[in-house]
Amino acid sequence: MPKIGKKAKNIIAAASVLVATAIILYGYFKVGITAALDDYVFFGLVTVILPIAAVNYVDYRWRKGIDEHLPDFFRSIVQAQEVGMTLPQALDEASKRDYGPLTSELKRMMMQMSWGYSFEEALTAFGKHVGTVLVQRILPMVIEASRSGGRVEKVFDPMGKFIQTTIMLERERKTQTRPYIMIIYVALFVFLFTIILLFKTFFASAEGVPLMSSPTMSPEGMQRIFLHLTLIQGFFGGLVAGKMGEGSISAGLKHSLVMMLLGFVALKFFL
């Protein structure tokens, strides 16, 4: 998967907002401020969330691929230096292997060095372009190891083990938080079940006639309130799931989209 830069993300977000605004305005001029406008607003929200969530997911997979291949990359550096290669030569040899998305970044760095960049300048440009947390942590150590000279492989070997341990701890954390994410989905289903049960029991009969002797709000009005509550529940529940599962609120947009769609379809079908 390719890297998606901040500029591309901003352009996609702006285009999504413009399309969503057009959908909502079209609905407003067509049906006015009525219950039917809720459908246009919902599809406008989907139009905003879907592209942003997709872009964030692609970028997240790219960053994850970079981090997961770092231990293999450092092992290759250690093996190359053990046979007498210098650090730049070891990097050049490593760039010829397959490390997923990391391979293209290594080739970019070697190309910059062939254009006259120093080793440190190429590493710094690599860190700015990749920008993952692990890369930002290890780059200063790599630069200092290059400056110090000597047996640099003694630095890269424990560094690779450190990265591998960090990745394993992150996987363990995600495994431990997965049940809590499922709880958020279960909470949405319980919320939907309660809403449907209340509406069917207290607000309308099978023919849609109000059952309460003196209702303060029509069944259609209650349907709108329940729909708004469901969308709010799904949106913010998804953001919480993303923060718990991947440590990022923006990563929860895909959960928000799924839960909002589930809630919208459930209420439209059962109510």
Protein backbone atom coordinates (compact mmCIF):
# COMPACT_ATOMS: atom_id res chain seq x y z
CA MET A 1 0.00 0.00 0.00
CA PRO A 2 1.32 3.48 -0.83
CA LYS A 3 2.06 6.27 1.61
CA ILE A 4 -0.58 8.99 1.68
CA GLY A 5 0.83 12.36 2.64
CA LYS A 6 -0.78 15.04 4.73
CA LYS A 7 -1.50 17.21 1.69
CA ALA A 8 -3.36 14.38 -0.05
CA LYS A 9 -5.35 13.71 3.12
CA ASN A 10 -6.37 17.37 3.35
CA ILE A 11 -7.45 17.43 -0.31
CA ILE A 12 -9.54 14.26 0.12
CA ALA A 13 -11.12 15.60 3.31
CA ALA A 14 -11.97 18.94 1.68
CA ALA A 15 -13.47 17.24 -1.38
CA SER A 16 -15.53 14.94 0.86
CA VAL A 17 -16.90 17.89 2.82
CA LEU A 18 -17.86 19.70 -0.39
CA VAL A 19 -19.69 16.65 -1.76
CA ALA A 20 -21.46 16.10 1.56
CA THR A 21 -22.52 19.74 1.69
CA ALA A 22 -23.92 19.45 -1.83
CA ILE A 23 -25.92 16.35 -0.84
CA ILE A 24 -27.38 18.04 2.24
CA LEU A 25 -28.25 21.24 0.34
CA TYR A 26 -29.90 19.19 -2.40
CA GLY A 27 -31.97 17.40 0.22
CA TYR A 28 -32.90 20.70 1.90
CA PHE A 29 -34.16 22.27 -1.31
CA LYS A 30 -35.98 19.09 -2.30
CA VAL A 31 -37.77 18.08 0.94
CA GLY A 32 -37.16 21.02 3.27
CA ILE A 33 -36.72 20.61 7.01
CA THR A 34 -38.66 17.37 7.33
CA ALA A 35 -37.97 13.84 8.48
CA ALA A 36 -36.86 12.94 4.95
CA LEU A 37 -33.95 15.38 5.31
CA ASP A 38 -32.39 13.04 7.87
CA ASP A 39 -31.60 10.55 5.11
CA TYR A 40 -29.72 13.17 3.11
CA VAL A 41 -27.81 14.27 6.20
CA PHE A 42 -26.89 10.67 6.98
CA PHE A 43 -25.59 9.99 3.48
CA GLY A 44 -23.72 13.28 3.66
CA LEU A 45 -22.01 12.09 6.85
CA VAL A 46 -21.15 8.78 5.17
CA THR A 47 -19.68 10.70 2.24
CA VAL A 48 -17.40 12.58 4.64
CA ILE A 49 -16.39 9.67 6.88
CA LEU A 50 -15.89 6.93 4.25
CA PRO A 51 -13.02 8.54 2.24
CA ILE A 52 -11.24 9.81 5.35
CA ALA A 53 -11.52 6.41 7.05
CA ALA A 54 -10.26 4.64 3.91
CA VAL A 55 -7.29 6.99 3.56
CA ASN A 56 -6.37 6.63 7.23
CA TYR A 57 -6.57 2.84 6.98
CA VAL A 58 -4.31 2.73 3.90
CA ASP A 59 -1.78 5.02 5.58
CA TYR A 60 -1.96 2.96 8.78
CA ARG A 61 -1.25 -0.26 6.87
CA TRP A 62 1.71 1.39 5.17
CA ARG A 63 3.18 2.57 8.48
CA LYS A 64 2.57 -0.81 10.05
CA GLY A 65 4.37 -2.49 7.15
CA ILE A 66 7.37 -0.19 7.66
CA ASP A 67 7.62 -0.96 11.38
CA GLU A 68 7.12 -4.71 11.03
CA HIS A 69 10.00 -5.03 8.53
CA LEU A 70 12.47 -2.99 10.57
CA PRO A 71 13.78 -6.00 12.60
CA ASP A 72 14.52 -7.94 9.37
CA PHE A 73 16.22 -4.87 7.95
CA PHE A 74 18.50 -4.50 10.97
CA ARG A 75 19.38 -8.19 10.90
CA SER A 76 20.47 -7.74 7.29
CA ILE A 77 22.61 -4.75 8.29
CA VAL A 78 24.30 -6.78 11.03
CA GLN A 79 24.99 -9.71 8.69
CA ALA A 80 26.43 -7.41 6.00
CA GLN A 81 28.71 -5.64 8.46
CA GLU A 82 29.93 -8.92 9.89
CA VAL A 83 31.41 -9.75 6.48
CA GLY A 84 33.27 -6.43 6.36
CA MET A 85 30.87 -4.01 4.62
CA THR A 86 30.64 -0.38 5.67
CA LEU A 87 27.30 0.97 6.86
CA PRO A 88 26.40 2.66 3.52
CA GLN A 89 27.38 -0.52 1.65
CA ALA A 90 25.23 -2.58 4.01
CA LEU A 91 22.29 -0.26 3.40
CA ASP A 92 22.80 -0.54 -0.35
CA GLU A 93 22.80 -4.34 -0.11
CA ALA A 94 19.71 -4.32 2.11
CA SER A 95 17.82 -2.08 -0.33
CA LYS A 96 18.00 -4.89 -2.91
CA ARG A 97 15.91 -7.21 -0.75
CA ASP A 98 12.16 -7.30 -0.20
CA TYR A 99 11.03 -5.52 2.96
CA GLY A 100 7.55 -4.58 1.85
CA PRO A 101 6.95 -0.81 1.82
CA LEU A 102 10.34 -0.28 3.50
CA THR A 103 12.13 -1.38 0.32
CA SER A 104 10.98 1.61 -1.73
CA GLU A 105 12.06 3.97 1.07
CA LEU A 106 15.52 2.40 1.20
CA LYS A 107 15.86 2.74 -2.57
CA ARG A 108 14.84 6.38 -2.29
CA MET A 109 17.52 6.93 0.36
CA MET A 110 20.21 5.25 -1.75
CA MET A 111 19.17 7.34 -4.76
CA GLN A 112 19.53 10.52 -2.69
CA MET A 113 23.01 9.44 -1.62
CA SER A 114 23.92 8.88 -5.28
CA TRP A 115 22.84 12.47 -5.96
CA GLY A 116 25.32 13.79 -3.42
CA TYR A 117 23.44 13.61 -0.13
CA SER A 118 25.57 12.68 2.84
CA PHE A 119 24.64 9.57 4.80
CA GLU A 120 23.21 11.61 7.67
CA GLU A 121 21.20 13.85 5.32
CA ALA A 122 19.72 10.82 3.58
CA LEU A 123 18.79 9.25 6.92
CA THR A 124 17.21 12.48 8.12
CA ALA A 125 15.16 12.76 4.91
CA PHE A 126 14.15 9.11 5.32
CA GLY A 127 12.93 9.77 8.86
CA LYS A 128 10.91 12.82 7.82
CA HIS A 129 9.27 11.00 4.92
CA VAL A 130 8.40 7.85 6.87
CA GLY A 131 7.53 9.53 10.16
CA THR A 132 6.58 6.48 12.21
CA VAL A 133 7.22 6.52 15.95
CA LEU A 134 9.72 3.65 15.81
CA VAL A 135 11.72 5.23 13.00
CA GLN A 136 11.88 8.55 14.86
CA ARG A 137 13.17 6.74 17.93
CA ILE A 138 15.92 4.73 16.25
CA LEU A 139 17.25 7.28 13.73
CA PRO A 140 19.27 9.30 16.29
CA MET A 141 20.95 6.09 17.46
CA VAL A 142 21.75 5.07 13.88
CA ILE A 143 23.29 8.47 13.15
CA GLU A 144 25.37 8.40 16.33
CA ALA A 145 26.53 4.86 15.57
CA SER A 146 27.62 5.99 12.12
CA ARG A 147 29.57 8.91 13.58
CA SER A 148 31.30 6.81 16.21
CA GLY A 149 32.54 4.16 13.77
CA GLY A 150 33.98 0.90 15.14
CA ARG A 151 31.81 -2.20 15.43
CA VAL A 152 28.51 -0.65 14.55
CA GLU A 153 26.82 -4.05 14.33
CA LYS A 154 26.98 -4.20 18.14
CA VAL A 155 24.50 -1.30 18.13
CA PHE A 156 22.21 -2.62 15.39
CA ASP A 157 21.79 -6.08 16.88
CA PRO A 158 20.20 -4.98 20.18
CA MET A 159 18.30 -2.26 18.31
CA GLY A 160 16.63 -4.87 16.13
CA LYS A 161 15.72 -6.90 19.21
CA PHE A 162 14.29 -3.77 20.84
CA ILE A 163 12.10 -3.10 17.80
CA GLN A 164 10.93 -6.72 17.73
CA THR A 165 10.01 -6.54 21.42
CA THR A 166 8.14 -3.27 20.88
CA ILE A 167 6.13 -4.78 18.02
CA MET A 168 5.29 -7.86 20.10
CA LEU A 169 4.12 -5.69 22.99
CA GLU A 170 1.94 -3.67 20.62
CA ARG A 171 0.36 -6.85 19.26
CA GLU A 172 -0.26 -8.09 22.79
CA ARG A 173 -1.90 -4.79 23.70
CA LYS A 174 -4.22 -5.03 20.70
CA THR A 175 -5.11 -8.61 21.60
CA GLN A 176 -5.97 -7.56 25.14
CA THR A 177 -8.11 -4.60 24.04
CA ARG A 178 -10.03 -6.52 21.36
CA PRO A 179 -12.69 -7.77 23.84
CA TYR A 180 -13.36 -4.17 24.92
CA ILE A 181 -13.92 -3.17 21.30
CA MET A 182 -16.43 -5.99 21.00
CA ILE A 183 -18.15 -4.67 24.12
CA ILE A 184 -18.67 -1.33 22.32
CA TYR A 185 -20.36 -3.15 19.43
CA VAL A 186 -22.47 -5.21 21.84
CA ALA A 187 -23.50 -2.00 23.61
CA LEU A 188 -24.73 -0.61 20.29
CA PHE A 189 -26.78 -3.77 19.61
CA VAL A 190 -28.29 -3.59 23.10
CA PHE A 191 -29.07 0.08 22.53
CA LEU A 192 -30.80 -0.72 19.22
CA PHE A 193 -32.73 -3.62 20.73
CA THR A 194 -33.93 -1.41 23.59
CA ILE A 195 -35.01 1.36 21.24
CA ILE A 196 -36.95 -0.99 18.97
CA LEU A 197 -38.57 -2.74 21.93
CA LEU A 198 -39.62 0.56 23.53
CA PHE A 199 -41.02 1.89 20.29
CA LYS A 200 -42.97 -1.26 19.46
CA THR A 201 -44.26 -1.61 23.02
CA PHE A 202 -45.13 1.93 24.10
CA PHE A 203 -45.39 4.17 21.04
CA ALA A 204 -47.02 2.30 18.16
CA SER A 205 -49.01 -0.80 17.37
CA ALA A 206 -48.40 -3.02 14.40
CA GLU A 207 -50.50 -0.61 12.27
CA GLY A 208 -48.51 2.42 13.44
CA VAL A 209 -51.33 3.74 15.67
CA PRO A 210 -50.09 5.35 18.91
CA LEU A 211 -50.77 3.16 21.95
CA MET A 212 -50.38 5.87 24.58
CA SER A 213 -53.60 7.60 25.52
CA SER A 214 -52.21 11.12 25.22
CA PRO A 215 -48.84 10.98 23.46
CA THR A 216 -46.72 14.10 23.71
CA MET A 217 -44.94 13.29 20.43
CA SER A 218 -45.91 11.47 17.27
CA PRO A 219 -44.31 8.12 16.39
CA GLU A 220 -42.52 9.82 13.49
CA GLY A 221 -41.00 12.33 15.89
CA MET A 222 -39.82 9.54 18.18
CA GLN A 223 -38.31 7.73 15.20
CA ARG A 224 -36.25 10.81 14.36
CA ILE A 225 -35.02 11.14 17.95
CA PHE A 226 -34.09 7.45 18.09
CA LEU A 227 -32.25 7.75 14.77
CA HIS A 228 -30.27 10.78 15.96
CA LEU A 229 -29.37 9.04 19.22
CA THR A 230 -28.25 5.92 17.34
CA LEU A 231 -26.01 7.89 14.98
CA ILE A 232 -24.45 9.76 17.89
CA GLN A 233 -23.92 6.51 19.78
CA GLY A 234 -22.34 4.85 16.74
CA PHE A 235 -20.08 7.77 15.84
CA PHE A 236 -18.58 8.38 19.27
CA GLY A 237 -18.51 4.68 20.14
CA GLY A 238 -16.41 4.10 17.03
CA LEU A 239 -13.96 6.84 18.00
CA VAL A 240 -13.54 5.23 21.44
CA ALA A 241 -12.97 1.84 19.79
CA GLY A 242 -10.25 3.32 17.58
CA LYS A 243 -8.50 4.95 20.52
CA MET A 244 -8.58 1.72 22.52
CA GLY A 245 -7.61 -0.60 19.68
CA GLU A 246 -5.03 1.40 17.71
CA GLY A 247 -4.23 4.34 19.95
CA SER A 248 -5.67 6.89 17.52
CA ILE A 249 -9.06 8.60 17.41
CA SER A 250 -8.90 8.93 13.62
CA ALA A 251 -8.45 5.15 13.39
CA GLY A 252 -11.91 4.81 14.95
CA LEU A 253 -13.64 6.40 11.96
CA LYS A 254 -13.99 3.01 10.28
CA HIS A 255 -15.70 1.67 13.42
CA SER A 256 -17.92 4.77 13.49
CA LEU A 257 -18.92 4.20 9.87
CA VAL A 258 -19.77 0.54 10.45
CA MET A 259 -21.82 1.22 13.58
CA MET A 260 -23.67 4.15 12.03
CA LEU A 261 -24.58 2.04 9.00
CA LEU A 262 -25.73 -0.83 11.22
CA GLY A 263 -27.85 1.49 13.32
CA PHE A 264 -29.36 3.29 10.33
CA VAL A 265 -30.30 0.05 8.55
CA ALA A 266 -31.66 -1.54 11.74
CA LEU A 267 -33.94 1.40 12.57
CA LYS A 268 -35.12 1.82 8.99
CA PHE A 269 -35.91 -1.88 8.73
CA PHE A 270 -37.50 -2.53 12.15
CA LEU A 271 -39.19 0.82 12.72
